Amino acid sequence: MTSTPTLRPRTSRDPEPDLTSLLVTHRAIRQDLGRLAGRLAAIGRGYVEPAHARAVCRYTAALLAALRAHHENENDIIWPLIAATARQAVDLAPLADDRLVIDEASGRVQRALARFAADPGAGAAALQASIRELRDLSDEHISDEEAQLLPVMRRYLPAQAYRWGERQIMRRATAPGPRFTVPWLARHARDGELRPLLAGGGWRARVVLAFSRRPYARLERRAFGNRPSKMTHNHEEKAVMTNRYPTAAQKSELERPHPPASLLWAVKAMYAGAVIAAIHAVIYVVTAGAQKTAIEAKHPHMSPSTVNALTTGAVIFEAVVAVLSAVLFVWIARSCLKGRSGARITGTVLFVVAVMLTAYSLGPGAVTTLAAVVIVVVDLIGLAAVVLLWQRSSSAYFTFFKRPQF
């Protein structure tokens, strides 16, 4: 184990400490508390799937553990280094008092989280209120800490001592903490910050990141929906203001419920149907000769010119219908994601019409065997999409968008 460094004030010959890890941690705490408050506002106004609620619970619990570990590491490792090197130049007592208030607020979030886990619909409002309180207290505390301690650390704390502190923090971390904390910090790092961030944690941080980045990303998507783009320096303050004082348009977006799994699977089925319908159009063109042979077999006394005209007309008609089917699949899928119940009804009606057309077109010699197989596959995909669109969870999602929005 690395021995404790000699603690003395930094001289002009010593390099300043790289405080990237501290700044990224503060940024991650601020942004994620704001994001959770926004997501819970949406849950409080609409339906929430059990899987989505579980993801929010897991993310919130992991964030609270990361916040608690950050405070413990500063209290036990970083602040003693500052006190030993800065001496009378810093007073840590007011910041320590702030921590007691934050710890109490964190406990209230923990209790509200337990109620939310038992009943997401009933517990969302209380959890949101407790997280907003914790966010406001943390914002104020972090602002004070950065204004008072960062200049002192750069002036008095040697870089070697701070690097030692970072290594001790990584060593004392116990599973599963780093599996969330490391990719969480990497997620909030700006351009150029990831390398110094990982350097502070040593080789262990790089290994943890390699194995935990994807699981973290999956948890984030399940908790917050599609992953938002990384925040740049110019947009960070705007994002914080959006969480606190949203405009009418921003408030509507925050309150939008997360699409349920049944709806997402229906959308995937419709996209698959669009691809197969497009392939179907190509099959009609490529198999025009087989179509002509089928017409000749069904109508042996028809003149060659009439057969050619019927073949051309049938191929063009069927190809156009297949292309329109692909377009309708995509349009209905996108409209359903936007909560438009009319698209769900339209899709159901079109599916019934498609089944009737299929029954007619599958008569003896009407289409080639390959085309018949594709038609049946498209109808089965349509059936799956319709069933998924009328599931209870999907219906609750559409119901949310029927309500008057204020």
Protein backbone atom coordinates (compact mmCIF):
# COMPACT_ATOMS: atom_id res chain seq x y z
CA MET A 1 0.00 0.00 0.00
CA THR A 2 1.27 3.48 -0.91
CA SER A 3 2.53 5.37 2.13
CA THR A 4 0.99 8.67 3.17
CA PRO A 5 2.78 11.58 1.42
CA THR A 6 4.60 14.26 3.36
CA LEU A 7 2.01 16.97 3.92
CA ARG A 8 3.31 20.47 3.48
CA PRO A 9 2.01 23.56 1.69
CA ARG A 10 2.61 23.59 -2.05
CA THR A 11 5.53 25.71 -3.20
CA SER A 12 5.92 27.54 -6.49
CA ARG A 13 8.03 24.63 -7.77
CA ASP A 14 5.25 22.09 -7.19
CA PRO A 15 2.58 21.53 -9.87
CA GLU A 16 -1.01 22.39 -9.07
CA PRO A 17 -3.36 19.46 -8.40
CA ASP A 18 -5.58 18.32 -11.27
CA LEU A 19 -9.08 18.72 -9.84
CA THR A 20 -10.90 17.16 -12.81
CA SER A 21 -12.39 14.30 -10.79
CA LEU A 22 -13.83 16.69 -8.21
CA LEU A 23 -15.34 19.02 -10.81
CA VAL A 24 -16.85 16.15 -12.82
CA THR A 25 -18.35 14.63 -9.67
CA HIS A 26 -19.98 17.94 -8.74
CA ARG A 27 -21.35 18.34 -12.26
CA ALA A 28 -22.72 14.78 -12.32
CA ILE A 29 -24.51 15.27 -8.98
CA ARG A 30 -26.11 18.52 -10.08
CA GLN A 31 -27.23 17.31 -13.49
CA ASP A 32 -28.59 13.95 -12.39
CA LEU A 33 -30.58 15.28 -9.47
CA GLY A 34 -32.17 17.69 -11.95
CA ARG A 35 -32.82 14.91 -14.46
CA LEU A 36 -34.45 12.72 -11.83
CA ALA A 37 -36.72 15.55 -10.73
CA GLY A 38 -37.83 16.03 -14.33
CA ARG A 39 -38.44 12.33 -14.93
CA LEU A 40 -40.48 12.02 -11.73
CA ALA A 41 -42.60 14.99 -12.81
CA ALA A 42 -43.53 12.96 -15.90
CA ILE A 43 -44.25 9.85 -13.85
CA GLY A 44 -46.46 11.83 -11.49
CA ARG A 45 -48.66 12.96 -14.38
CA GLY A 46 -48.98 9.74 -16.40
CA TYR A 47 -48.73 5.97 -16.49
CA VAL A 48 -45.45 4.32 -15.53
CA GLU A 49 -44.53 0.76 -16.41
CA PRO A 50 -43.21 -1.42 -13.56
CA ALA A 51 -39.93 -1.97 -15.45
CA HIS A 52 -39.48 1.79 -15.85
CA ALA A 53 -40.23 2.39 -12.17
CA ARG A 54 -37.69 -0.26 -11.18
CA ALA A 55 -35.05 1.42 -13.36
CA VAL A 56 -35.75 4.81 -11.76
CA CYS A 57 -35.45 3.18 -8.32
CA ARG A 58 -32.14 1.53 -9.20
CA TYR A 59 -30.70 4.72 -10.66
CA THR A 60 -31.84 6.87 -7.74
CA ALA A 61 -30.47 4.40 -5.18
CA ALA A 62 -27.13 4.25 -7.01
CA LEU A 63 -26.97 8.06 -7.22
CA LEU A 64 -27.66 8.40 -3.49
CA ALA A 65 -24.92 5.87 -2.76
CA ALA A 66 -22.50 7.79 -5.00
CA LEU A 67 -23.39 11.06 -3.25
CA ARG A 68 -22.90 9.48 0.17
CA ALA A 69 -19.55 7.95 -0.87
CA HIS A 70 -18.41 11.31 -2.26
CA HIS A 71 -19.13 13.04 1.02
CA GLU A 72 -17.41 10.29 3.04
CA ASN A 73 -14.34 10.38 0.83
CA GLU A 74 -14.05 14.13 1.14
CA ASN A 75 -14.59 14.02 4.90
CA ASP A 76 -12.11 11.18 5.49
CA ILE A 77 -9.45 11.79 2.82
CA ILE A 78 -9.58 15.04 0.83
CA TRP A 79 -10.54 17.53 3.53
CA PRO A 80 -7.87 16.30 5.99
CA LEU A 81 -5.29 16.82 3.20
CA ILE A 82 -6.58 20.35 2.69
CA ALA A 83 -6.57 21.10 6.41
CA ALA A 84 -3.02 19.75 6.80
CA THR A 85 -1.61 21.83 3.94
CA ALA A 86 -3.70 25.02 4.00
CA ARG A 87 -3.87 25.18 7.82
CA GLN A 88 -5.28 28.54 8.91
CA ALA A 89 -6.07 29.60 5.34
CA VAL A 90 -9.30 27.59 5.25
CA ASP A 91 -12.25 26.99 7.56
CA LEU A 92 -14.05 23.73 6.80
CA ALA A 93 -16.59 23.97 9.63
CA PRO A 94 -19.38 25.76 7.65
CA LEU A 95 -19.10 23.24 4.82
CA ALA A 96 -19.19 20.37 7.32
CA ASP A 97 -22.39 21.82 8.80
CA ASP A 98 -23.90 21.94 5.29
CA ARG A 99 -23.13 18.25 4.93
CA LEU A 100 -25.25 17.42 7.96
CA VAL A 101 -28.24 19.17 6.39
CA ILE A 102 -27.63 17.40 3.06
CA ASP A 103 -27.36 14.04 4.81
CA GLU A 104 -30.76 14.61 6.43
CA ALA A 105 -32.27 15.52 3.06
CA SER A 106 -30.69 12.42 1.52
CA GLY A 107 -32.36 10.33 4.22
CA ARG A 108 -35.73 11.83 3.28
CA VAL A 109 -35.10 10.89 -0.35
CA GLN A 110 -34.26 7.35 0.75
CA ARG A 111 -37.54 7.03 2.62
CA ALA A 112 -39.52 8.52 -0.26
CA LEU A 113 -37.77 6.12 -2.63
CA ALA A 114 -38.99 3.15 -0.58
CA ARG A 115 -42.58 4.44 -0.85
CA PHE A 116 -42.15 4.99 -4.60
CA ALA A 117 -40.83 1.45 -5.06
CA ALA A 118 -43.95 0.08 -3.34
CA ASP A 119 -46.39 2.26 -5.31
CA PRO A 120 -44.87 4.40 -8.13
CA GLY A 121 -48.07 6.27 -8.90
CA ALA A 122 -48.70 7.31 -5.31
CA GLY A 123 -45.07 7.89 -4.35
CA ALA A 124 -43.79 9.85 -7.36
CA ALA A 125 -44.80 13.30 -6.10
CA ALA A 126 -43.18 12.85 -2.68
CA LEU A 127 -40.00 11.47 -4.23
CA GLN A 128 -39.82 14.34 -6.68
CA ALA A 129 -40.24 16.91 -3.89
CA SER A 130 -37.52 15.30 -1.77
CA ILE A 131 -35.12 15.10 -4.73
CA ARG A 132 -35.75 18.75 -5.61
CA GLU A 133 -34.92 19.68 -2.00
CA LEU A 134 -31.72 17.62 -2.16
CA ARG A 135 -30.83 19.15 -5.51
CA ASP A 136 -31.24 22.71 -4.22
CA LEU A 137 -29.19 22.02 -1.08
CA SER A 138 -26.46 20.26 -3.11
CA ASP A 139 -26.35 23.11 -5.64
CA GLU A 140 -25.79 25.66 -2.91
CA HIS A 141 -23.24 23.51 -1.10
CA ILE A 142 -21.26 22.73 -4.27
CA SER A 143 -21.20 26.39 -5.27
CA ASP A 144 -19.85 27.36 -1.85
CA GLU A 145 -17.34 24.52 -1.85
CA GLU A 146 -15.98 25.37 -5.28
CA ALA A 147 -15.80 29.07 -4.47
CA GLN A 148 -14.03 28.55 -1.12
CA LEU A 149 -11.99 25.35 -1.49
CA LEU A 150 -10.84 25.20 -5.10
CA PRO A 151 -8.61 28.32 -4.87
CA VAL A 152 -7.20 27.02 -1.59
CA MET A 153 -6.51 23.57 -3.03
CA ARG A 154 -4.74 25.03 -6.07
CA ARG A 155 -2.67 27.29 -3.86
CA TYR A 156 -1.71 24.98 -0.98
CA LEU A 157 -2.36 21.31 -1.90
CA PRO A 158 0.54 19.62 -3.77
CA ALA A 159 -0.42 17.57 -6.83
CA GLN A 160 1.28 14.49 -5.36
CA ALA A 161 -0.87 14.64 -2.22
CA TYR A 162 -4.09 14.98 -4.20
CA ARG A 163 -3.17 12.07 -6.48
CA TRP A 164 -2.54 9.97 -3.38
CA GLY A 165 -5.99 10.92 -2.11
CA GLU A 166 -7.61 9.88 -5.40
CA ARG A 167 -5.90 6.48 -5.25
CA GLN A 168 -7.10 5.96 -1.68
CA ILE A 169 -10.66 6.76 -2.75
CA MET A 170 -10.48 4.15 -5.51
CA ARG A 171 -8.96 1.56 -3.15
CA ARG A 172 -11.62 1.96 -0.48
CA ALA A 173 -14.49 1.69 -2.98
CA THR A 174 -16.38 -1.58 -2.62
CA ALA A 175 -18.64 -3.36 -5.11
CA PRO A 176 -21.03 -2.52 -6.60
CA GLY A 177 -20.22 1.18 -6.14
CA PRO A 178 -17.53 1.61 -8.83
CA ARG A 179 -19.64 -0.21 -11.41
CA PHE A 180 -22.01 2.77 -11.28
CA THR A 181 -19.69 5.59 -10.25
CA VAL A 182 -16.98 5.14 -12.89
CA PRO A 183 -19.24 5.07 -16.00
CA TRP A 184 -21.48 7.70 -14.39
CA LEU A 185 -18.55 10.13 -14.12
CA ALA A 186 -17.36 9.21 -17.63
CA ARG A 187 -20.89 9.98 -18.86
CA HIS A 188 -20.69 13.53 -17.46
CA ALA A 189 -17.08 14.24 -18.44
CA ARG A 190 -16.55 16.91 -21.08
CA ASP A 191 -14.16 16.71 -23.98
CA GLY A 192 -10.61 16.31 -22.69
CA GLU A 193 -11.68 15.33 -19.15
CA LEU A 194 -11.93 11.54 -19.48
CA ARG A 195 -8.17 10.89 -19.58
CA PRO A 196 -7.32 12.84 -16.38
CA LEU A 197 -10.47 11.47 -14.75
CA LEU A 198 -9.33 7.86 -15.31
CA ALA A 199 -5.73 8.70 -14.44
CA GLY A 200 -6.84 9.59 -10.92
CA GLY A 201 -8.36 6.12 -10.45
CA GLY A 202 -5.45 4.23 -11.98
CA TRP A 203 -5.70 0.97 -13.92
CA ARG A 204 -8.64 -0.24 -11.83
CA ALA A 205 -10.83 2.64 -13.05
CA ARG A 206 -10.06 1.76 -16.69
CA VAL A 207 -10.93 -1.89 -16.15
CA VAL A 208 -14.17 -1.03 -14.36
CA LEU A 209 -15.16 1.38 -17.13
CA ALA A 210 -14.51 -1.20 -19.84
CA PHE A 211 -16.88 -3.70 -18.21
CA SER A 212 -19.54 -1.37 -16.80
CA ARG A 213 -20.09 1.31 -19.45
CA ARG A 214 -22.73 -0.64 -21.39
CA PRO A 215 -24.70 -1.82 -18.33
CA TYR A 216 -24.75 1.77 -17.07
CA ALA A 217 -25.97 3.02 -20.46
CA ARG A 218 -28.78 0.45 -20.44
CA LEU A 219 -29.85 1.50 -16.94
CA GLU A 220 -29.77 5.16 -17.95
CA ARG A 221 -31.95 4.52 -21.01
CA ARG A 222 -34.46 2.56 -18.95
CA ALA A 223 -34.62 5.29 -16.31
CA PHE A 224 -34.63 8.38 -18.54
CA GLY A 225 -35.65 7.13 -21.99
CA ASN A 226 -33.42 7.79 -24.99
CA ARG A 227 -30.02 8.91 -23.82
CA PRO A 228 -29.62 12.68 -24.05
CA SER A 229 -26.60 14.08 -25.80
CA LYS A 230 -23.59 15.04 -23.74
CA MET A 231 -23.83 18.52 -22.29
CA THR A 232 -21.23 21.00 -23.38
CA HIS A 233 -19.96 23.88 -21.31
CA ASN A 234 -22.14 26.36 -23.20
CA HIS A 235 -25.33 24.39 -22.70
CA GLU A 236 -24.90 23.14 -19.14
CA GLU A 237 -26.31 26.22 -17.40
CA LYS A 238 -29.20 26.31 -19.87
CA ALA A 239 -30.02 22.69 -19.05
CA VAL A 240 -30.03 23.39 -15.31
CA MET A 241 -32.33 26.37 -15.84
CA THR A 242 -34.63 24.20 -17.98
CA ASN A 243 -35.00 21.72 -15.11
CA ARG A 244 -35.80 24.46 -12.60
CA TYR A 245 -37.84 26.93 -14.65
CA PRO A 246 -39.20 25.10 -17.72
CA THR A 247 -41.13 26.95 -20.39
CA ALA A 248 -44.53 25.63 -21.47
CA ALA A 249 -42.98 23.62 -24.31
CA GLN A 250 -40.20 22.29 -22.08
CA LYS A 251 -42.70 21.37 -19.36
CA SER A 252 -44.76 19.39 -21.89
CA GLU A 253 -41.66 17.47 -22.90
CA LEU A 254 -40.70 16.74 -19.29
CA GLU A 255 -44.20 15.40 -18.57
CA ARG A 256 -44.25 13.05 -21.57
CA PRO A 257 -44.48 9.47 -20.25
CA HIS A 258 -41.95 6.87 -21.27
CA PRO A 259 -43.35 4.63 -24.07
CA PRO A 260 -44.24 1.21 -22.60
CA ALA A 261 -42.50 -1.94 -23.77
CA SER A 262 -45.63 -3.15 -25.59
CA LEU A 263 -45.70 0.01 -27.71
CA LEU A 264 -41.98 -0.15 -28.44
CA TRP A 265 -42.32 -3.76 -29.61
CA ALA A 266 -45.28 -2.77 -31.79
CA VAL A 267 -43.17 -0.04 -33.38
CA LYS A 268 -40.35 -2.50 -34.03
CA ALA A 269 -42.84 -4.91 -35.62
CA MET A 270 -44.17 -2.16 -37.89
CA TYR A 271 -40.65 -1.15 -38.96
CA ALA A 272 -39.98 -4.82 -39.79
CA GLY A 273 -43.24 -4.90 -41.75
CA ALA A 274 -42.14 -1.82 -43.71
CA VAL A 275 -38.89 -3.51 -44.70
CA ILE A 276 -40.64 -6.71 -45.78
CA ALA A 277 -43.29 -4.73 -47.70
CA ALA A 278 -40.54 -2.92 -49.60
CA ILE A 279 -38.94 -6.28 -50.40
CA HIS A 280 -42.38 -7.46 -51.50
CA ALA A 281 -42.55 -4.68 -54.11
CA VAL A 282 -39.23 -5.81 -55.55
CA ILE A 283 -40.42 -9.43 -55.64
CA TYR A 284 -43.48 -8.45 -57.70
CA VAL A 285 -41.26 -6.81 -60.30
CA VAL A 286 -38.68 -9.61 -60.39
CA THR A 287 -41.29 -12.37 -60.66
CA ALA A 288 -43.35 -10.73 -63.42
CA GLY A 289 -42.67 -13.71 -65.68
CA ALA A 290 -44.10 -16.14 -63.14
CA GLN A 291 -47.09 -13.86 -62.74
CA LYS A 292 -47.68 -13.97 -66.49
CA THR A 293 -47.47 -17.78 -66.48
CA ALA A 294 -50.00 -17.93 -63.64
CA ILE A 295 -52.44 -15.74 -65.61
CA GLU A 296 -52.01 -17.86 -68.72
CA ALA A 297 -52.69 -21.04 -66.72
CA LYS A 298 -55.81 -19.55 -65.17
CA HIS A 299 -57.11 -18.10 -68.49
CA PRO A 300 -55.82 -20.38 -71.29
CA HIS A 301 -58.05 -18.82 -73.98
CA MET A 302 -56.93 -15.25 -73.34
CA SER A 303 -54.98 -13.52 -76.16
CA PRO A 304 -51.25 -12.83 -75.65
CA SER A 305 -51.75 -9.06 -75.80
CA THR A 306 -54.41 -9.23 -73.10
CA VAL A 307 -52.19 -11.43 -70.94
CA ASN A 308 -49.32 -8.95 -71.28
CA ALA A 309 -51.58 -6.03 -70.40
CA LEU A 310 -52.99 -7.83 -67.36
CA THR A 311 -49.52 -8.86 -66.21
CA THR A 312 -48.15 -5.31 -66.48
CA GLY A 313 -51.17 -3.83 -64.73
CA ALA A 314 -51.08 -6.43 -61.95
CA VAL A 315 -47.35 -5.99 -61.31
CA ILE A 316 -47.61 -2.20 -61.21
CA PHE A 317 -50.67 -2.28 -58.97
CA GLU A 318 -49.22 -4.80 -56.54
CA ALA A 319 -45.82 -3.05 -56.38
CA VAL A 320 -47.49 0.30 -55.66
CA VAL A 321 -49.66 -1.29 -52.95
CA ALA A 322 -46.53 -2.84 -51.34
CA VAL A 323 -44.69 0.49 -51.36
CA LEU A 324 -47.72 2.27 -49.88
CA SER A 325 -47.88 -0.45 -47.21
CA ALA A 326 -44.25 0.24 -46.27
CA VAL A 327 -44.95 3.97 -46.06
CA LEU A 328 -48.06 3.40 -43.94
CA PHE A 329 -46.17 1.07 -41.58
CA VAL A 330 -43.57 3.78 -40.91
CA TRP A 331 -46.15 6.58 -40.58
CA ILE A 332 -48.33 4.63 -38.16
CA ALA A 333 -45.30 3.58 -36.08
CA ARG A 334 -44.05 7.16 -35.71
CA SER A 335 -47.51 8.53 -35.01
CA CYS A 336 -48.12 5.92 -32.32
CA LEU A 337 -44.85 6.88 -30.61
CA LYS A 338 -46.23 10.44 -30.48
CA GLY A 339 -49.33 9.13 -28.70
CA ARG A 340 -51.79 9.71 -31.55
CA SER A 341 -54.65 7.31 -30.92
CA GLY A 342 -56.03 7.94 -34.40
CA ALA A 343 -52.98 6.23 -35.85
CA ARG A 344 -53.68 3.14 -33.75
CA ILE A 345 -57.27 3.02 -35.04
CA THR A 346 -56.13 3.61 -38.62
CA GLY A 347 -53.60 0.82 -38.35
CA THR A 348 -56.23 -1.58 -37.02
CA VAL A 349 -58.65 -0.76 -39.85
CA LEU A 350 -55.92 -1.13 -42.46
CA PHE A 351 -54.96 -4.50 -40.98
CA VAL A 352 -58.56 -5.76 -41.41
CA VAL A 353 -58.58 -4.51 -45.01
CA ALA A 354 -55.21 -6.19 -45.63
CA VAL A 355 -56.53 -9.53 -44.36
CA MET A 356 -59.53 -9.28 -46.68
CA LEU A 357 -57.27 -8.49 -49.64
CA THR A 358 -55.02 -11.40 -48.70
CA ALA A 359 -57.97 -13.80 -48.69
CA TYR A 360 -58.85 -12.62 -52.18
CA SER A 361 -55.32 -12.60 -53.60
CA LEU A 362 -54.42 -16.08 -52.40
CA GLY A 363 -56.84 -17.77 -54.75
CA PRO A 364 -55.58 -20.54 -57.06
CA GLY A 365 -52.98 -19.17 -59.45
CA ALA A 366 -53.45 -15.57 -58.31
CA VAL A 367 -49.90 -14.99 -57.10
CA THR A 368 -46.60 -16.86 -57.02
CA THR A 369 -45.70 -19.02 -54.05
CA LEU A 370 -42.95 -16.60 -52.93
CA ALA A 371 -45.30 -13.62 -53.09
CA ALA A 372 -47.94 -15.55 -51.14
CA VAL A 373 -45.44 -16.34 -48.37
CA VAL A 374 -44.42 -12.68 -48.12
CA ILE A 375 -48.06 -11.55 -47.99
CA VAL A 376 -48.79 -13.93 -45.11
CA VAL A 377 -45.66 -12.81 -43.23
CA VAL A 378 -46.65 -9.14 -43.58
CA ASP A 379 -50.15 -9.91 -42.28
CA LEU A 380 -48.74 -11.80 -39.29
CA ILE A 381 -46.51 -8.84 -38.47
CA GLY A 382 -49.53 -6.57 -38.74
CA LEU A 383 -51.46 -8.86 -36.38
CA ALA A 384 -48.65 -8.75 -33.82
CA ALA A 385 -48.47 -4.95 -34.04
CA VAL A 386 -52.25 -4.55 -33.59
CA VAL A 387 -52.30 -6.87 -30.56
CA LEU A 388 -49.41 -4.97 -28.96
CA LEU A 389 -50.99 -1.57 -29.69
CA TRP A 390 -54.15 -2.58 -27.82
CA GLN A 391 -52.38 -3.89 -24.73
CA ARG A 392 -53.37 -2.19 -21.47
CA SER A 393 -50.01 -0.45 -21.08
CA SER A 394 -50.18 0.89 -24.65
CA SER A 395 -53.75 2.09 -24.10
CA ALA A 396 -52.67 3.97 -20.96
CA TYR A 397 -49.95 5.68 -23.01
CA PHE A 398 -52.45 6.83 -25.66
CA THR A 399 -54.87 7.95 -22.95
CA PHE A 400 -52.26 10.32 -21.55
CA PHE A 401 -52.16 12.24 -24.83
CA LYS A 402 -55.96 12.46 -25.02
CA ARG A 403 -56.07 14.54 -21.84
CA PRO A 404 -56.11 18.33 -22.08
CA GLN A 405 -52.54 19.60 -21.67
CA PHE A 406 -52.20 22.73 -19.50
